[in-house]
N, C-alpha and C. Protein backbone atom coordinates (compact mmCIF):
# COMPACT_ATOMS: atom_id res chain seq x y z
N UNK A 1 68.77 102.32 59.13
CA UNK A 1 68.11 102.39 60.43
C UNK A 1 68.96 101.71 61.52
N UNK A 2 69.55 100.56 61.17
CA UNK A 2 70.38 99.84 62.14
C UNK A 2 71.62 100.66 62.51
N UNK A 3 72.19 101.36 61.54
CA UNK A 3 73.37 102.18 61.80
C UNK A 3 73.03 103.31 62.78
N UNK A 4 71.86 103.90 62.63
CA UNK A 4 71.44 104.95 63.55
C UNK A 4 71.27 104.41 64.96
N UNK A 5 70.75 103.22 65.09
CA UNK A 5 70.58 102.61 66.41
C UNK A 5 71.93 102.35 67.06
N UNK A 6 72.89 101.89 66.27
CA UNK A 6 74.24 101.64 66.79
C UNK A 6 74.86 102.95 67.27
N UNK A 7 74.69 104.01 66.50
CA UNK A 7 75.24 105.31 66.89
C UNK A 7 74.61 105.80 68.19
N UNK A 8 73.29 105.65 68.32
CA UNK A 8 72.61 106.09 69.54
C UNK A 8 73.09 105.29 70.75
N UNK A 9 73.22 103.98 70.61
CA UNK A 9 73.68 103.13 71.72
C UNK A 9 75.11 103.50 72.09
N UNK A 10 75.96 103.70 71.09
CA UNK A 10 77.35 104.06 71.36
C UNK A 10 77.43 105.41 72.08
N UNK A 11 76.67 106.40 71.62
CA UNK A 11 76.66 107.72 72.25
C UNK A 11 76.19 107.63 73.70
N UNK A 12 75.16 106.83 73.94
CA UNK A 12 74.66 106.66 75.31
C UNK A 12 75.73 106.02 76.19
N UNK A 13 76.45 105.04 75.66
CA UNK A 13 77.50 104.38 76.42
C UNK A 13 78.62 105.36 76.75
N UNK A 14 79.02 106.19 75.78
CA UNK A 14 80.09 107.17 76.02
C UNK A 14 79.69 108.13 77.13
N UNK A 15 78.46 108.62 77.12
CA UNK A 15 77.99 109.54 78.16
C UNK A 15 77.97 108.83 79.51
N UNK A 16 77.43 107.62 79.56
CA UNK A 16 77.37 106.87 80.81
C UNK A 16 78.76 106.57 81.34
N UNK A 17 79.66 106.09 80.49
CA UNK A 17 81.02 105.76 80.93
C UNK A 17 81.76 107.00 81.41
N UNK A 18 81.57 108.12 80.72
CA UNK A 18 82.23 109.35 81.12
C UNK A 18 81.75 109.85 82.47
N UNK A 19 80.47 109.77 82.73
CA UNK A 19 79.93 110.21 84.02
C UNK A 19 80.33 109.27 85.14
N UNK A 20 80.40 107.99 84.84
CA UNK A 20 80.73 106.99 85.86
C UNK A 20 82.19 107.05 86.28
N UNK A 21 83.05 107.58 85.46
CA UNK A 21 84.48 107.55 85.73
C UNK A 21 85.00 108.83 86.39
N UNK A 22 84.12 109.65 86.92
CA UNK A 22 84.58 110.89 87.54
C UNK A 22 85.47 110.58 88.74
N UNK A 23 86.44 111.43 88.98
CA UNK A 23 87.44 111.15 90.02
C UNK A 23 86.97 111.60 91.40
N UNK A 24 85.95 112.42 91.49
CA UNK A 24 85.46 112.95 92.76
C UNK A 24 86.56 113.69 93.51
N UNK A 25 87.53 114.24 92.77
CA UNK A 25 88.61 114.98 93.40
C UNK A 25 89.47 114.11 94.30
N UNK A 26 89.56 112.83 94.01
CA UNK A 26 90.26 111.87 94.86
C UNK A 26 91.77 111.99 94.72
N UNK A 27 92.45 112.10 95.86
CA UNK A 27 93.91 112.20 95.88
C UNK A 27 94.40 111.62 97.20
N UNK A 28 95.54 110.95 97.14
CA UNK A 28 96.10 110.40 98.38
C UNK A 28 97.59 110.73 98.45
N UNK A 29 98.07 110.89 99.69
CA UNK A 29 99.47 111.21 99.94
C UNK A 29 99.96 110.33 101.08
N UNK A 30 101.11 109.71 100.89
CA UNK A 30 101.75 108.95 101.96
C UNK A 30 102.47 109.93 102.87
N UNK A 31 102.20 109.85 104.16
CA UNK A 31 102.82 110.76 105.12
C UNK A 31 103.97 110.08 105.85
N UNK A 32 103.82 108.79 106.16
CA UNK A 32 104.86 108.07 106.86
C UNK A 32 104.40 106.69 107.26
N UNK A 33 105.25 105.98 107.94
CA UNK A 33 104.92 104.64 108.40
C UNK A 33 105.74 104.34 109.65
N UNK A 34 105.31 103.33 110.37
CA UNK A 34 106.02 102.90 111.57
C UNK A 34 105.99 101.38 111.59
N UNK A 35 107.16 100.76 111.60
CA UNK A 35 107.24 99.30 111.74
C UNK A 35 107.15 99.01 113.22
N UNK A 36 106.02 98.44 113.62
CA UNK A 36 105.75 98.20 115.04
C UNK A 36 106.41 96.90 115.49
N UNK A 37 106.35 95.88 114.63
CA UNK A 37 106.92 94.57 114.97
C UNK A 37 107.13 93.79 113.69
N UNK A 38 107.54 92.53 113.84
CA UNK A 38 107.70 91.66 112.67
C UNK A 38 106.37 91.38 111.99
N UNK A 39 105.27 91.67 112.66
CA UNK A 39 103.95 91.33 112.12
C UNK A 39 102.97 92.50 112.05
N UNK A 40 103.49 93.74 112.17
CA UNK A 40 102.60 94.90 112.04
C UNK A 40 103.38 96.13 111.60
N UNK A 41 102.81 96.82 110.61
CA UNK A 41 103.30 98.12 110.16
C UNK A 41 102.12 99.07 110.16
N UNK A 42 102.32 100.27 110.68
CA UNK A 42 101.26 101.28 110.70
C UNK A 42 101.58 102.31 109.62
N UNK A 43 100.59 102.58 108.77
CA UNK A 43 100.77 103.50 107.66
C UNK A 43 99.98 104.78 107.95
N UNK A 44 100.64 105.93 107.80
CA UNK A 44 100.01 107.24 108.00
C UNK A 44 99.86 107.91 106.64
N UNK A 45 98.63 108.36 106.33
CA UNK A 45 98.34 108.92 105.02
C UNK A 45 97.34 110.06 105.14
N UNK A 46 97.22 110.81 104.05
CA UNK A 46 96.16 111.80 103.91
C UNK A 46 95.40 111.46 102.64
N UNK A 47 94.08 111.50 102.74
CA UNK A 47 93.22 111.22 101.59
C UNK A 47 92.27 112.41 101.42
N UNK A 48 92.21 112.90 100.20
CA UNK A 48 91.30 114.00 99.86
C UNK A 48 90.27 113.49 98.86
N UNK A 49 89.00 113.79 99.14
CA UNK A 49 87.91 113.42 98.25
C UNK A 49 86.79 114.44 98.46
N UNK A 50 85.97 114.62 97.45
CA UNK A 50 84.88 115.58 97.56
C UNK A 50 84.05 115.30 98.82
N UNK A 51 83.67 116.33 99.57
CA UNK A 51 82.83 116.13 100.76
C UNK A 51 81.57 115.33 100.41
N UNK A 52 81.19 114.45 101.33
CA UNK A 52 80.00 113.64 101.14
C UNK A 52 80.22 112.40 100.28
N UNK A 53 81.48 112.11 99.91
CA UNK A 53 81.79 110.97 99.05
C UNK A 53 82.54 109.90 99.82
N UNK A 54 82.05 108.67 99.76
CA UNK A 54 82.76 107.54 100.36
C UNK A 54 83.94 107.17 99.47
N UNK A 55 85.04 106.73 100.09
CA UNK A 55 86.21 106.27 99.34
C UNK A 55 86.75 105.01 99.99
N UNK A 56 87.47 104.23 99.21
CA UNK A 56 88.17 103.06 99.72
C UNK A 56 89.62 103.16 99.29
N UNK A 57 90.52 102.69 100.16
CA UNK A 57 91.94 102.71 99.85
C UNK A 57 92.56 101.36 100.20
N UNK A 58 93.45 100.90 99.32
CA UNK A 58 94.24 99.69 99.59
C UNK A 58 95.58 100.15 100.14
N UNK A 59 95.88 99.71 101.34
CA UNK A 59 97.11 100.09 102.03
C UNK A 59 97.98 98.85 102.11
N UNK A 60 99.28 99.01 101.84
CA UNK A 60 100.16 97.84 101.83
C UNK A 60 101.44 98.09 102.60
N UNK A 61 102.02 96.99 103.04
CA UNK A 61 103.35 97.00 103.66
C UNK A 61 104.25 96.16 102.77
N UNK A 62 105.50 96.63 102.60
CA UNK A 62 106.46 95.94 101.74
C UNK A 62 107.69 95.54 102.55
N UNK A 63 108.35 94.46 102.13
CA UNK A 63 109.59 94.05 102.78
C UNK A 63 110.79 94.64 102.03
N UNK A 64 111.99 94.26 102.43
CA UNK A 64 113.19 94.88 101.85
C UNK A 64 113.39 94.57 100.37
N UNK A 65 112.73 93.53 99.86
CA UNK A 65 112.82 93.24 98.41
C UNK A 65 111.60 93.78 97.67
N UNK A 66 110.84 94.65 98.33
CA UNK A 66 109.64 95.30 97.78
C UNK A 66 108.51 94.31 97.48
N UNK A 67 108.52 93.18 98.15
CA UNK A 67 107.40 92.24 98.05
C UNK A 67 106.33 92.67 99.04
N UNK A 68 105.08 92.47 98.67
CA UNK A 68 103.97 92.82 99.56
C UNK A 68 103.90 91.79 100.68
N UNK A 69 103.98 92.26 101.93
CA UNK A 69 103.90 91.36 103.07
C UNK A 69 102.66 91.63 103.92
N UNK A 70 101.89 92.66 103.54
CA UNK A 70 100.65 92.98 104.23
C UNK A 70 99.79 93.86 103.34
N UNK A 71 98.47 93.68 103.46
CA UNK A 71 97.53 94.39 102.58
C UNK A 71 96.23 94.58 103.34
N UNK A 72 95.66 95.77 103.25
CA UNK A 72 94.38 96.02 103.92
C UNK A 72 93.60 97.06 103.13
N UNK A 73 92.31 96.82 102.94
CA UNK A 73 91.43 97.79 102.31
C UNK A 73 90.66 98.49 103.41
N UNK A 74 90.74 99.82 103.41
CA UNK A 74 90.02 100.62 104.41
C UNK A 74 88.93 101.43 103.71
N UNK A 75 87.81 101.59 104.41
CA UNK A 75 86.70 102.39 103.89
C UNK A 75 86.65 103.71 104.64
N UNK A 76 86.61 104.79 103.88
CA UNK A 76 86.46 106.11 104.46
C UNK A 76 85.02 106.54 104.23
N UNK A 77 84.23 106.62 105.29
CA UNK A 77 82.83 107.00 105.11
C UNK A 77 82.71 108.45 104.64
N UNK A 78 81.58 108.82 104.08
CA UNK A 78 81.39 110.22 103.67
C UNK A 78 81.64 111.16 104.85
N UNK A 79 82.21 112.32 104.54
CA UNK A 79 82.55 113.29 105.57
C UNK A 79 82.32 114.69 105.01
N UNK A 80 82.19 115.66 105.92
CA UNK A 80 82.09 117.05 105.49
C UNK A 80 83.46 117.63 105.15
N UNK A 81 84.52 116.96 105.61
CA UNK A 81 85.89 117.42 105.36
C UNK A 81 86.39 116.86 104.03
N UNK A 82 87.13 117.67 103.29
CA UNK A 82 87.71 117.20 102.02
C UNK A 82 88.94 116.32 102.27
N UNK A 83 89.81 116.75 103.18
CA UNK A 83 91.06 116.02 103.43
C UNK A 83 91.03 115.45 104.84
N UNK A 84 91.39 114.16 104.92
CA UNK A 84 91.43 113.49 106.21
C UNK A 84 92.76 112.76 106.38
N UNK A 85 93.26 112.77 107.59
CA UNK A 85 94.43 111.96 107.93
C UNK A 85 93.95 110.61 108.39
N UNK A 86 94.58 109.56 107.87
CA UNK A 86 94.20 108.21 108.30
C UNK A 86 95.43 107.47 108.78
N UNK A 87 95.24 106.66 109.79
CA UNK A 87 96.28 105.80 110.33
C UNK A 87 95.77 104.37 110.21
N UNK A 88 96.53 103.54 109.50
CA UNK A 88 96.07 102.18 109.19
C UNK A 88 97.08 101.15 109.67
N UNK A 89 96.72 100.36 110.70
CA UNK A 89 97.59 99.24 111.07
C UNK A 89 97.41 98.11 110.06
N UNK A 90 98.53 97.59 109.56
CA UNK A 90 98.50 96.51 108.58
C UNK A 90 99.24 95.31 109.17
N UNK A 91 98.54 94.17 109.28
CA UNK A 91 99.20 92.94 109.72
C UNK A 91 100.10 92.44 108.59
N UNK A 92 101.29 91.94 108.96
CA UNK A 92 102.25 91.48 107.96
C UNK A 92 102.65 90.03 108.21
N UNK A 93 103.02 89.36 107.13
CA UNK A 93 103.47 87.96 107.24
C UNK A 93 104.92 87.88 107.71
N UNK A 94 105.73 88.87 107.32
CA UNK A 94 107.11 89.00 107.79
C UNK A 94 107.35 90.49 108.04
N UNK A 95 108.53 90.83 108.51
CA UNK A 95 108.81 92.22 108.86
C UNK A 95 108.77 93.12 107.63
N UNK A 96 107.96 94.17 107.70
CA UNK A 96 107.92 95.17 106.65
C UNK A 96 109.01 96.19 106.85
N UNK A 97 109.36 96.89 105.78
CA UNK A 97 110.33 97.98 105.89
C UNK A 97 109.74 99.30 105.43
N UNK A 98 108.52 99.26 104.87
CA UNK A 98 107.83 100.47 104.47
C UNK A 98 106.34 100.19 104.36
N UNK A 99 105.56 101.24 104.37
CA UNK A 99 104.12 101.12 104.21
C UNK A 99 103.60 102.30 103.41
N UNK A 100 102.59 102.07 102.58
CA UNK A 100 102.07 103.12 101.73
C UNK A 100 100.68 102.79 101.21
N UNK A 101 100.02 103.80 100.66
CA UNK A 101 98.75 103.57 99.98
C UNK A 101 99.05 103.06 98.58
N UNK A 102 98.47 101.95 98.22
CA UNK A 102 98.63 101.41 96.87
C UNK A 102 97.72 102.12 95.90
N UNK A 103 96.43 102.29 96.30
CA UNK A 103 95.45 102.90 95.42
C UNK A 103 94.23 103.30 96.22
N UNK A 104 93.52 104.32 95.75
CA UNK A 104 92.24 104.71 96.34
C UNK A 104 91.22 104.84 95.21
N UNK A 105 89.95 104.60 95.53
CA UNK A 105 88.91 104.69 94.54
C UNK A 105 87.57 105.03 95.20
N UNK A 106 86.62 105.45 94.39
CA UNK A 106 85.27 105.71 94.85
C UNK A 106 84.43 104.52 94.43
N UNK A 107 83.84 103.80 95.40
CA UNK A 107 83.07 102.60 95.04
C UNK A 107 81.77 102.94 94.31
């Protein structure tokens, strides 16, 4: 009887975990960046997600040794559009030489 209970709990967890991990068609593309000053880099990106789905993206600026010098999490509210262009100003501790999306996810 205990073995059957363990199997049922495990099966329920697999179904729940599988449904919770859906990607919602989430995809991001780096389009470009602009180093505005020693303390700001603007990152241009495109993010695609299923319409009506909120997404969050971590955007970063890197220096010449590829160290992170700026980081910002942006929230994309639900929209009727699948793909959106976003422009994200990122404050930096020192001069950045590039900017990009680190990761995006559905909260």
